[in-house]
C-alpha atoms as a PDB file:
ATOM      1  CA  MET A   1      18.813 186.774  70.504  1.00  0.00           C
ATOM      2  CA  LYS A   2      17.069 189.279  72.739  1.00  0.00           C
ATOM      3  CA  PHE A   3      17.041 191.772  69.850  1.00  0.00           C
ATOM      4  CA  LEU A   4      15.275 189.329  67.474  1.00  0.00           C
ATOM      5  CA  ARG A   5      12.667 188.499  70.130  1.00  0.00           C
ATOM      6  CA  GLY A   6      12.006 192.227  70.545  1.00  0.00           C
ATOM      7  CA  VAL A   7      11.568 192.721  66.765  1.00  0.00           C
ATOM      8  CA  PHE A   8       8.987 189.940  66.508  1.00  0.00           C
ATOM      9  CA  LEU A   9       7.056 190.612  69.732  1.00  0.00           C
ATOM     10  CA  ASN A  10       6.888 194.422  69.754  1.00  0.00           C
ATOM     11  CA  ASN A  11       3.615 195.816  68.418  1.00  0.00           C
ATOM     12  CA  ILE A  12       2.234 192.329  67.726  1.00  0.00           C
ATOM     13  CA  SER A  13      -1.375 193.619  67.598  1.00  0.00           C
ATOM     14  CA  ILE A  14      -0.506 196.091  64.827  1.00  0.00           C
ATOM     15  CA  LYS A  15       1.223 193.323  62.874  1.00  0.00           C
ATOM     16  CA  ILE A  16      -1.828 191.043  63.193  1.00  0.00           C
ATOM     17  CA  ILE A  17      -4.168 193.831  62.022  1.00  0.00           C
ATOM     18  CA  ALA A  18      -1.879 194.596  59.052  1.00  0.00           C
ATOM     19  CA  LEU A  19      -1.816 190.908  58.100  1.00  0.00           C
ATOM     20  CA  ALA A  20      -5.637 190.688  58.317  1.00  0.00           C
ATOM     21  CA  LEU A  21      -6.040 193.793  56.123  1.00  0.00           C
ATOM     22  CA  ALA A  22      -3.577 192.415  53.570  1.00  0.00           C
ATOM     23  CA  LEU A  23      -5.509 189.121  53.397  1.00  0.00           C
ATOM     24  CA  LEU A  24      -8.842 190.937  52.990  1.00  0.00           C
ATOM     25  CA  THR A  25      -7.421 193.100  50.210  1.00  0.00           C
ATOM     26  CA  TRP A  26      -5.971 190.060  48.430  1.00  0.00           C
ATOM     27  CA  SER A  27      -9.300 188.244  48.719  1.00  0.00           C
ATOM     28  CA  TYR A  28     -11.266 191.206  47.297  1.00  0.00           C
ATOM     29  CA  ILE A  29      -8.894 191.694  44.338  1.00  0.00           C
ATOM     30  CA  SER A  30      -8.903 187.965  43.544  1.00  0.00           C
ATOM     31  CA  GLY A  31     -12.715 187.987  43.512  1.00  0.00           C
ATOM     32  CA  GLN A  32     -12.836 190.968  41.161  1.00  0.00           C
ATOM     33  CA  LEU A  33     -10.323 189.370  38.798  1.00  0.00           C
ATOM     34  CA  TYR A  34     -12.350 186.153  38.790  1.00  0.00           C
ATOM     35  CA  LYS A  35     -15.561 188.068  37.917  1.00  0.00           C
ATOM     36  CA  GLU A  36     -13.776 189.798  35.027  1.00  0.00           C
ATOM     37  CA  SER A  37     -12.283 186.543  33.758  1.00  0.00           C
ATOM     38  CA  ILE A  38     -15.752 185.029  33.401  1.00  0.00           C
ATOM     39  CA  GLY A  39     -16.528 187.701  30.796  1.00  0.00           C
ATOM     40  CA  LEU A  40     -19.662 188.518  28.844  1.00  0.00           C
ATOM     41  CA  ASP A  41     -19.585 185.326  26.757  1.00  0.00           C
ATOM     42  CA  THR A  42     -20.490 183.094  29.684  1.00  0.00           C
ATOM     43  CA  GLU A  43     -23.339 185.160  31.072  1.00  0.00           C
ATOM     44  CA  ALA A  44     -26.422 183.074  31.634  1.00  0.00           C
ATOM     45  CA  PRO A  45     -29.302 184.157  29.409  1.00  0.00           C
ATOM     46  CA  SER A  46     -32.291 185.807  31.092  1.00  0.00           C
ATOM     47  CA  VAL A  47     -35.726 184.311  30.508  1.00  0.00           C
ATOM     48  CA  ILE A  48     -38.629 186.754  30.183  1.00  0.00           C
ATOM     49  CA  LYS A  49     -42.266 185.808  29.924  1.00  0.00           C
ATOM     50  CA  LYS A  50     -44.328 188.117  27.701  1.00  0.00           C
ATOM     51  CA  ALA A  51     -47.923 189.067  28.534  1.00  0.00           C
ATOM     52  CA  SER A  52     -49.079 186.562  25.905  1.00  0.00           C
ATOM     53  CA  GLY A  53     -47.376 183.771  27.858  1.00  0.00           C
ATOM     54  CA  GLU A  54     -44.635 183.354  25.240  1.00  0.00           C
ATOM     55  CA  LYS A  55     -41.118 183.016  26.657  1.00  0.00           C
ATOM     56  CA  ILE A  56     -38.183 184.938  25.233  1.00  0.00           C
ATOM     57  CA  ILE A  57     -34.523 184.762  26.140  1.00  0.00           C
ATOM     58  CA  VAL A  58     -32.226 187.775  26.389  1.00  0.00           C
ATOM     59  CA  LYS A  59     -28.536 186.984  25.850  1.00  0.00           C
ATOM     60  CA  THR A  60     -25.376 189.062  25.382  1.00  0.00           C
ATOM     61  CA  LEU A  61     -23.334 187.857  22.404  1.00  0.00           C
ATOM     62  CA  PRO A  62     -20.010 188.910  20.850  1.00  0.00           C
ATOM     63  CA  ILE A  63     -20.053 190.540  17.410  1.00  0.00           C
ATOM     64  CA  TYR A  64     -17.876 188.869  14.741  1.00  0.00           C
ATOM     65  CA  VAL A  65     -16.898 190.360  11.396  1.00  0.00           C
ATOM     66  CA  ASN A  66     -18.075 188.428   8.320  1.00  0.00           C
ATOM     67  CA  ILE A  67     -15.050 188.684   6.006  1.00  0.00           C
ATOM     68  CA  GLU A  68     -15.377 187.777   2.332  1.00  0.00           C
ATOM     69  CA  GLY A  69     -12.555 187.430  -0.179  1.00  0.00           C
ATOM     70  CA  GLU A  70      -8.778 187.330   0.063  1.00  0.00           C
ATOM     71  CA  PRO A  71      -6.286 190.199   0.100  1.00  0.00           C
ATOM     72  CA  LEU A  72      -3.727 190.604  -2.692  1.00  0.00           C
ATOM     73  CA  PRO A  73      -1.157 187.813  -3.026  1.00  0.00           C
ATOM     74  CA  GLY A  74       1.636 188.379  -0.516  1.00  0.00           C
ATOM     75  CA  TYR A  75      -0.729 189.974   2.016  1.00  0.00           C
ATOM     76  CA  ARG A  76      -2.706 188.518   4.899  1.00  0.00           C
ATOM     77  CA  ILE A  77      -5.418 189.491   7.361  1.00  0.00           C
ATOM     78  CA  VAL A  78      -4.080 189.949  10.901  1.00  0.00           C
ATOM     79  CA  LEU A  79      -6.911 188.108  12.660  1.00  0.00           C
ATOM     80  CA  ASP A  80      -5.907 188.869  16.247  1.00  0.00           C
ATOM     81  CA  LYS A  81      -5.872 192.631  15.545  1.00  0.00           C
ATOM     82  CA  ILE A  82      -9.404 192.975  14.094  1.00  0.00           C
ATOM     83  CA  VAL A  83     -11.316 195.747  15.896  1.00  0.00           C
ATOM     84  CA  VAL A  84     -15.108 195.685  16.353  1.00  0.00           C
ATOM     85  CA  ARG A  85     -16.955 198.481  18.182  1.00  0.00           C
ATOM     86  CA  PRO A  86     -19.199 197.717  19.945  1.00  0.00           C
ATOM     87  CA  SER A  87     -17.830 194.255  20.617  1.00  0.00           C
ATOM     88  CA  HIS A  88     -21.084 192.781  22.048  1.00  0.00           C
ATOM     89  CA  SER A  89     -24.829 193.207  21.654  1.00  0.00           C
ATOM     90  CA  VAL A  90     -27.926 191.967  23.413  1.00  0.00           C
ATOM     91  CA  VAL A  91     -30.238 189.631  21.484  1.00  0.00           C
ATOM     92  CA  ALA A  92     -33.799 188.735  22.490  1.00  0.00           C
ATOM     93  CA  GLY A  93     -35.894 185.996  20.962  1.00  0.00           C
ATOM     94  CA  PRO A  94     -37.488 182.568  21.319  1.00  0.00           C
ATOM     95  CA  PRO A  95     -35.481 180.015  23.352  1.00  0.00           C
ATOM     96  CA  GLU A  96     -35.149 177.587  20.422  1.00  0.00           C
ATOM     97  CA  THR A  97     -33.372 180.278  18.371  1.00  0.00           C
ATOM     98  CA  ILE A  98     -31.302 181.999  21.061  1.00  0.00           C
ATOM     99  CA  LYS A  99     -29.904 178.849  22.700  1.00  0.00           C
ATOM    100  CA  ASN A 100     -28.038 177.937  19.475  1.00  0.00           C
ATOM    101  CA  LEU A 101     -26.474 181.379  18.988  1.00  0.00           C
ATOM    102  CA  SER A 102     -22.888 181.925  20.128  1.00  0.00           C
ATOM    103  CA  TYR A 103     -22.243 185.201  18.252  1.00  0.00           C
ATOM    104  CA  ILE A 104     -23.795 187.821  15.962  1.00  0.00           C
ATOM    105  CA  SER A 105     -22.124 188.465  12.622  1.00  0.00           C
ATOM    106  CA  THR A 106     -21.928 191.635  10.590  1.00  0.00           C
ATOM    107  CA  GLU A 107     -23.016 191.951   7.008  1.00  0.00           C
ATOM    108  CA  PRO A 108     -20.175 190.837   4.690  1.00  0.00           C
ATOM    109  CA  VAL A 109     -17.054 193.004   4.488  1.00  0.00           C
ATOM    110  CA  ILE A 110     -15.174 192.554   1.206  1.00  0.00           C
ATOM    111  CA  VAL A 111     -11.361 192.382   1.446  1.00  0.00           C
ATOM    112  CA  GLU A 112     -10.822 190.968  -2.062  1.00  0.00           C
ATOM    113  CA  GLY A 113      -7.678 192.463  -3.610  1.00  0.00           C
ATOM    114  CA  LYS A 114      -6.876 194.773  -0.667  1.00  0.00           C
ATOM    115  CA  ASN A 115      -3.356 195.457   0.568  1.00  0.00           C
ATOM    116  CA  ASN A 116      -3.974 197.717   3.559  1.00  0.00           C
ATOM    117  CA  THR A 117      -6.323 198.045   6.551  1.00  0.00           C
ATOM    118  CA  VAL A 118     -10.020 197.972   5.690  1.00  0.00           C
ATOM    119  CA  LYS A 119     -12.126 200.325   7.839  1.00  0.00           C
ATOM    120  CA  ASP A 120     -15.892 200.438   7.492  1.00  0.00           C
ATOM    121  CA  ASN A 121     -19.204 200.914   9.260  1.00  0.00           C
ATOM    122  CA  VAL A 122     -21.478 197.918   8.723  1.00  0.00           C
ATOM    123  CA  LYS A 123     -24.858 196.641   9.883  1.00  0.00           C
ATOM    124  CA  LEU A 124     -25.399 193.502  11.901  1.00  0.00           C
ATOM    125  CA  SER A 125     -26.895 190.502  10.096  1.00  0.00           C
ATOM    126  CA  HIS A 126     -30.601 189.911  10.586  1.00  0.00           C
ATOM    127  CA  ILE A 127     -31.537 187.045  12.895  1.00  0.00           C
ATOM    128  CA  PRO A 128     -35.039 185.734  12.089  1.00  0.00           C
ATOM    129  CA  THR A 129     -37.583 185.966  14.961  1.00  0.00           C
ATOM    130  CA  CYS A 130     -35.081 187.902  17.141  1.00  0.00           C
ATOM    131  CA  ARG A 131     -34.478 191.489  18.144  1.00  0.00           C
ATOM    132  CA  VAL A 132     -30.923 192.780  18.342  1.00  0.00           C
ATOM    133  CA  GLY A 133     -30.305 195.440  21.005  1.00  0.00           C
ATOM    134  CA  TYR A 134     -27.722 197.406  19.000  1.00  0.00           C
ATOM    135  CA  GLU A 135     -29.305 198.783  15.828  1.00  0.00           C
ATOM    136  CA  GLY A 136     -26.601 201.237  14.735  1.00  0.00           C
ATOM    137  CA  LEU A 137     -23.638 200.691  12.456  1.00  0.00           C
ATOM    138  CA  VAL A 138     -20.748 198.655  13.832  1.00  0.00           C
ATOM    139  CA  LYS A 139     -17.288 200.183  13.349  1.00  0.00           C
ATOM    140  CA  ILE A 140     -14.768 197.635  12.142  1.00  0.00           C
ATOM    141  CA  ALA A 141     -11.084 197.692  11.227  1.00  0.00           C
ATOM    142  CA  ILE A 142      -9.489 194.693   9.510  1.00  0.00           C
ATOM    143  CA  PRO A 143      -5.691 195.040   9.420  1.00  0.00           C
ATOM    144  CA  ILE A 144      -3.991 193.631   6.332  1.00  0.00           C
ATOM    145  CA  SER A 145      -0.221 193.322   6.253  1.00  0.00           C
ATOM    146  CA  ARG A 146       2.474 191.968   3.967  1.00  0.00           C
ATOM    147  CA  THR A 147       3.380 188.341   4.634  1.00  0.00           C
ATOM    148  CA  ARG A 148       6.898 187.710   5.839  1.00  0.00           C
ATOM    149  CA  ARG A 149       9.236 185.873   3.550  1.00  0.00           C
ATOM    150  CA  ARG A 150      11.549 183.285   5.093  1.00  0.00           C
END
């Protein structure tokens, strides 16, 4: 009994400091994970007022691939493995246009009759009355694989 009391009571100040540091570290890491989980898609748009008095909104949006056609029979597009680089772009424009946008699409990528991964560099689709921050070609990879037979 005396031994257990000695284990718990010896160096109690060091144990309290270690516990406080562990709680602070846990709190910091939890906060960082929460910030990352919010992601770019939920960022609030910024409102900018131009010199002319006209308001524009700046919003970060994900880039989606516009896929047209179907691969060869017996093959399928692996949707969860599609790669888009960059994955997001900034868009600026009038509030009535920007508030309805949830993504930016690429120009169409044809997969008609394909039986393997389609890799390409494509432009982003034009959005009337808006400026898109990324003006280069978007690198995409659309994996196509054989369907499994049961």
